[in-house]
């Protein structure tokens, strides 16, 4: 699974330009599925949280800030995983 881990904002931007299905792995067994699309013209991320169909539009700093999203923390921990 190591090659499917997303650990940097640069990697996330590249993978999400055409839309990315991924999940955050919690405690090794629970997961939170997401669809993320990066919009380079505005440097923003569109996030669809599949667990509740909620949507977010986040700047780069917001996606890394735990007040707005758990994606940044998941990247730091190696817990943001690209779906195959």
N, C-alpha and C. Protein backbone atom coordinates (compact mmCIF):
# COMPACT_ATOMS: atom_id res chain seq x y z
N UNK A 1 0.83 -1.19 0.00
CA UNK A 1 0.00 0.00 0.00
C UNK A 1 0.87 1.26 0.00
N UNK A 2 2.14 1.16 0.29
CA UNK A 2 3.01 2.32 0.41
C UNK A 2 2.98 3.21 -0.83
N UNK A 3 2.98 2.62 -2.02
CA UNK A 3 3.00 3.43 -3.23
C UNK A 3 1.69 4.17 -3.47
N UNK A 4 0.65 3.87 -2.74
CA UNK A 4 -0.63 4.56 -2.88
C UNK A 4 -0.80 5.68 -1.86
N UNK A 5 0.15 5.82 -0.96
CA UNK A 5 0.07 6.86 0.07
C UNK A 5 0.40 8.23 -0.53
N UNK A 6 -0.38 9.22 -0.14
CA UNK A 6 -0.15 10.60 -0.57
C UNK A 6 0.38 11.34 0.65
N UNK A 7 1.60 11.84 0.55
CA UNK A 7 2.25 12.41 1.73
C UNK A 7 2.64 13.88 1.59
N UNK A 8 2.48 14.46 0.40
CA UNK A 8 2.85 15.87 0.22
C UNK A 8 1.75 16.61 -0.54
N UNK A 9 1.70 17.91 -0.34
CA UNK A 9 0.72 18.74 -1.05
C UNK A 9 1.02 18.73 -2.54
N UNK A 10 2.27 18.68 -2.91
CA UNK A 10 2.65 18.63 -4.33
C UNK A 10 2.10 17.37 -4.98
N UNK A 11 2.25 16.25 -4.32
CA UNK A 11 1.73 14.98 -4.82
C UNK A 11 0.21 15.03 -4.93
N UNK A 12 -0.46 15.59 -3.92
CA UNK A 12 -1.91 15.70 -3.95
C UNK A 12 -2.38 16.55 -5.11
N UNK A 13 -1.72 17.68 -5.32
CA UNK A 13 -2.10 18.56 -6.44
C UNK A 13 -2.00 17.83 -7.77
N UNK A 14 -0.92 17.13 -7.98
CA UNK A 14 -0.69 16.42 -9.24
C UNK A 14 -1.76 15.34 -9.46
N UNK A 15 -2.02 14.55 -8.43
CA UNK A 15 -2.97 13.45 -8.56
C UNK A 15 -4.41 13.91 -8.68
N UNK A 16 -4.74 15.06 -8.08
CA UNK A 16 -6.12 15.52 -8.01
C UNK A 16 -6.53 16.44 -9.15
N UNK A 17 -5.65 16.73 -10.09
CA UNK A 17 -6.01 17.65 -11.17
C UNK A 17 -7.16 17.13 -12.02
N UNK A 18 -7.25 15.83 -12.18
CA UNK A 18 -8.35 15.24 -12.95
C UNK A 18 -9.37 14.56 -12.05
N UNK A 19 -9.27 14.80 -10.77
CA UNK A 19 -10.15 14.17 -9.80
C UNK A 19 -9.49 12.95 -9.21
N UNK A 20 -9.59 12.79 -7.92
CA UNK A 20 -8.91 11.72 -7.20
C UNK A 20 -9.86 11.08 -6.20
N UNK A 21 -10.01 9.78 -6.30
CA UNK A 21 -10.74 9.02 -5.29
C UNK A 21 -9.72 8.51 -4.28
N UNK A 22 -9.95 8.82 -3.02
CA UNK A 22 -9.00 8.43 -1.98
C UNK A 22 -9.74 8.25 -0.67
N UNK A 23 -8.99 7.86 0.35
CA UNK A 23 -9.59 7.73 1.68
C UNK A 23 -8.54 8.00 2.73
N UNK A 24 -9.02 8.36 3.90
CA UNK A 24 -8.16 8.52 5.06
C UNK A 24 -8.37 7.27 5.91
N UNK A 25 -7.27 6.63 6.26
CA UNK A 25 -7.32 5.41 7.06
C UNK A 25 -7.14 5.78 8.52
N UNK A 26 -8.11 5.40 9.34
CA UNK A 26 -8.07 5.68 10.78
C UNK A 26 -7.82 4.39 11.54
N UNK A 27 -6.82 4.39 12.39
CA UNK A 27 -6.52 3.26 13.27
C UNK A 27 -6.43 1.93 12.51
N UNK A 28 -6.03 1.97 11.26
CA UNK A 28 -5.78 0.76 10.49
C UNK A 28 -6.99 0.04 9.94
N UNK A 29 -8.21 0.46 10.30
CA UNK A 29 -9.36 -0.29 9.78
C UNK A 29 -10.55 0.58 9.36
N UNK A 30 -10.74 1.72 9.97
CA UNK A 30 -11.83 2.61 9.58
C UNK A 30 -11.34 3.56 8.50
N UNK A 31 -12.23 3.91 7.57
CA UNK A 31 -11.79 4.84 6.53
C UNK A 31 -12.86 5.86 6.21
N UNK A 32 -12.39 7.01 5.75
CA UNK A 32 -13.26 8.11 5.34
C UNK A 32 -12.96 8.37 3.86
N UNK A 33 -13.90 7.99 2.99
CA UNK A 33 -13.69 8.12 1.55
C UNK A 33 -13.98 9.53 1.07
N UNK A 34 -13.17 9.98 0.11
CA UNK A 34 -13.27 11.34 -0.41
C UNK A 34 -13.01 11.35 -1.91
N UNK A 35 -13.57 12.34 -2.57
CA UNK A 35 -13.20 12.65 -3.96
C UNK A 35 -12.65 14.06 -3.91
N UNK A 36 -11.41 14.22 -4.38
CA UNK A 36 -10.74 15.52 -4.33
C UNK A 36 -10.37 15.93 -5.75
N UNK A 37 -10.66 17.19 -6.07
CA UNK A 37 -10.27 17.74 -7.36
C UNK A 37 -9.52 19.05 -7.09
N UNK A 38 -8.34 19.16 -7.68
CA UNK A 38 -7.53 20.37 -7.53
C UNK A 38 -7.75 21.27 -8.73
N UNK A 39 -8.00 22.55 -8.45
CA UNK A 39 -8.21 23.54 -9.49
C UNK A 39 -7.01 24.49 -9.49
N UNK A 40 -6.02 24.23 -10.39
CA UNK A 40 -4.77 25.01 -10.36
C UNK A 40 -4.95 26.49 -10.65
N UNK A 41 -5.94 26.85 -11.46
CA UNK A 41 -6.13 28.27 -11.79
C UNK A 41 -6.47 29.11 -10.55
N UNK A 42 -7.16 28.51 -9.59
CA UNK A 42 -7.51 29.24 -8.36
C UNK A 42 -6.77 28.70 -7.14
N UNK A 43 -5.92 27.68 -7.34
CA UNK A 43 -5.17 27.04 -6.26
C UNK A 43 -6.11 26.59 -5.13
N UNK A 44 -7.25 26.00 -5.52
CA UNK A 44 -8.21 25.50 -4.53
C UNK A 44 -8.50 24.02 -4.76
N UNK A 45 -9.00 23.41 -3.72
CA UNK A 45 -9.36 22.00 -3.76
C UNK A 45 -10.87 21.88 -3.52
N UNK A 46 -11.52 21.09 -4.34
CA UNK A 46 -12.93 20.74 -4.14
C UNK A 46 -12.91 19.36 -3.50
N UNK A 47 -13.55 19.21 -2.35
CA UNK A 47 -13.56 17.94 -1.63
C UNK A 47 -15.01 17.50 -1.44
N UNK A 48 -15.30 16.30 -1.89
CA UNK A 48 -16.59 15.66 -1.64
C UNK A 48 -16.35 14.56 -0.62
N UNK A 49 -16.96 14.71 0.55
CA UNK A 49 -16.85 13.72 1.61
C UNK A 49 -17.95 12.69 1.41
N UNK A 50 -17.57 11.50 0.98
CA UNK A 50 -18.55 10.51 0.57
C UNK A 50 -19.37 9.94 1.72
N UNK A 51 -18.88 10.05 2.94
CA UNK A 51 -19.60 9.51 4.08
C UNK A 51 -20.95 10.23 4.30
N UNK A 52 -20.98 11.53 4.01
CA UNK A 52 -22.22 12.29 4.23
C UNK A 52 -22.58 13.21 3.06
N UNK A 53 -21.89 13.05 1.94
CA UNK A 53 -22.11 13.87 0.75
C UNK A 53 -21.89 15.36 0.98
N UNK A 54 -21.14 15.72 2.02
CA UNK A 54 -20.83 17.13 2.23
C UNK A 54 -19.72 17.55 1.28
N UNK A 55 -19.72 18.84 0.95
CA UNK A 55 -18.75 19.38 0.01
C UNK A 55 -17.99 20.52 0.67
N UNK A 56 -16.73 20.65 0.27
CA UNK A 56 -15.90 21.74 0.75
C UNK A 56 -15.10 22.30 -0.42
N UNK A 57 -14.86 23.58 -0.39
CA UNK A 57 -13.91 24.19 -1.31
C UNK A 57 -12.87 24.86 -0.43
N UNK A 58 -11.62 24.38 -0.53
CA UNK A 58 -10.57 24.78 0.39
C UNK A 58 -9.36 25.31 -0.35
N UNK A 59 -8.72 26.31 0.23
CA UNK A 59 -7.45 26.77 -0.30
C UNK A 59 -6.37 25.78 0.16
N UNK A 60 -5.17 25.96 -0.38
CA UNK A 60 -4.06 25.09 0.02
C UNK A 60 -3.81 25.19 1.53
N UNK A 61 -3.80 26.39 2.06
CA UNK A 61 -3.55 26.53 3.50
C UNK A 61 -4.67 25.92 4.33
N UNK A 62 -5.91 26.01 3.86
CA UNK A 62 -7.03 25.42 4.59
C UNK A 62 -6.98 23.89 4.57
N UNK A 63 -6.58 23.31 3.44
CA UNK A 63 -6.55 21.84 3.37
C UNK A 63 -5.47 21.28 4.29
N UNK A 64 -4.46 22.09 4.59
CA UNK A 64 -3.39 21.66 5.49
C UNK A 64 -3.69 21.98 6.95
N UNK A 65 -4.69 22.80 7.21
CA UNK A 65 -5.04 23.26 8.55
C UNK A 65 -6.12 22.35 9.15
N UNK A 66 -5.82 21.78 10.30
CA UNK A 66 -6.74 20.83 10.92
C UNK A 66 -8.07 21.46 11.35
N UNK A 67 -8.16 22.79 11.40
CA UNK A 67 -9.43 23.45 11.71
C UNK A 67 -10.44 23.29 10.58
N UNK A 68 -9.94 23.10 9.36
CA UNK A 68 -10.80 23.04 8.19
C UNK A 68 -10.94 21.63 7.61
N UNK A 69 -9.90 20.81 7.79
CA UNK A 69 -9.87 19.51 7.13
C UNK A 69 -8.91 18.58 7.86
N UNK A 70 -9.16 17.29 7.77
CA UNK A 70 -8.23 16.32 8.35
C UNK A 70 -7.27 15.76 7.28
N UNK A 71 -7.32 16.30 6.08
CA UNK A 71 -6.49 15.81 4.98
C UNK A 71 -5.01 16.10 5.21
N UNK A 72 -4.67 17.30 5.66
CA UNK A 72 -3.28 17.65 5.91
C UNK A 72 -2.64 16.75 6.96
N UNK A 73 -3.35 16.53 8.05
CA UNK A 73 -2.84 15.66 9.11
C UNK A 73 -2.70 14.22 8.61
N UNK A 74 -3.65 13.79 7.78
CA UNK A 74 -3.57 12.44 7.22
C UNK A 74 -2.33 12.30 6.32
N UNK A 75 -2.01 13.33 5.55
CA UNK A 75 -0.82 13.27 4.71
C UNK A 75 0.44 13.15 5.58
N UNK A 76 0.51 13.93 6.66
CA UNK A 76 1.66 13.88 7.55
C UNK A 76 1.86 12.48 8.12
N UNK A 77 0.75 11.80 8.42
CA UNK A 77 0.81 10.48 9.05
C UNK A 77 0.90 9.34 8.02
N UNK A 78 0.83 9.67 6.74
CA UNK A 78 0.84 8.63 5.72
C UNK A 78 -0.47 7.87 5.65
N UNK A 79 -1.56 8.53 6.04
CA UNK A 79 -2.86 7.86 6.12
C UNK A 79 -3.82 8.29 5.00
N UNK A 80 -3.37 9.14 4.08
CA UNK A 80 -4.19 9.50 2.91
C UNK A 80 -3.81 8.53 1.79
N UNK A 81 -4.77 7.72 1.38
CA UNK A 81 -4.49 6.61 0.46
C UNK A 81 -5.29 6.79 -0.83
N UNK A 82 -4.60 6.67 -1.96
CA UNK A 82 -5.24 6.74 -3.27
C UNK A 82 -5.96 5.43 -3.55
N UNK A 83 -7.23 5.53 -3.97
CA UNK A 83 -7.98 4.33 -4.37
C UNK A 83 -7.41 3.82 -5.69
N UNK A 84 -7.50 2.54 -5.91
CA UNK A 84 -7.05 1.97 -7.18
C UNK A 84 -8.19 1.84 -8.14
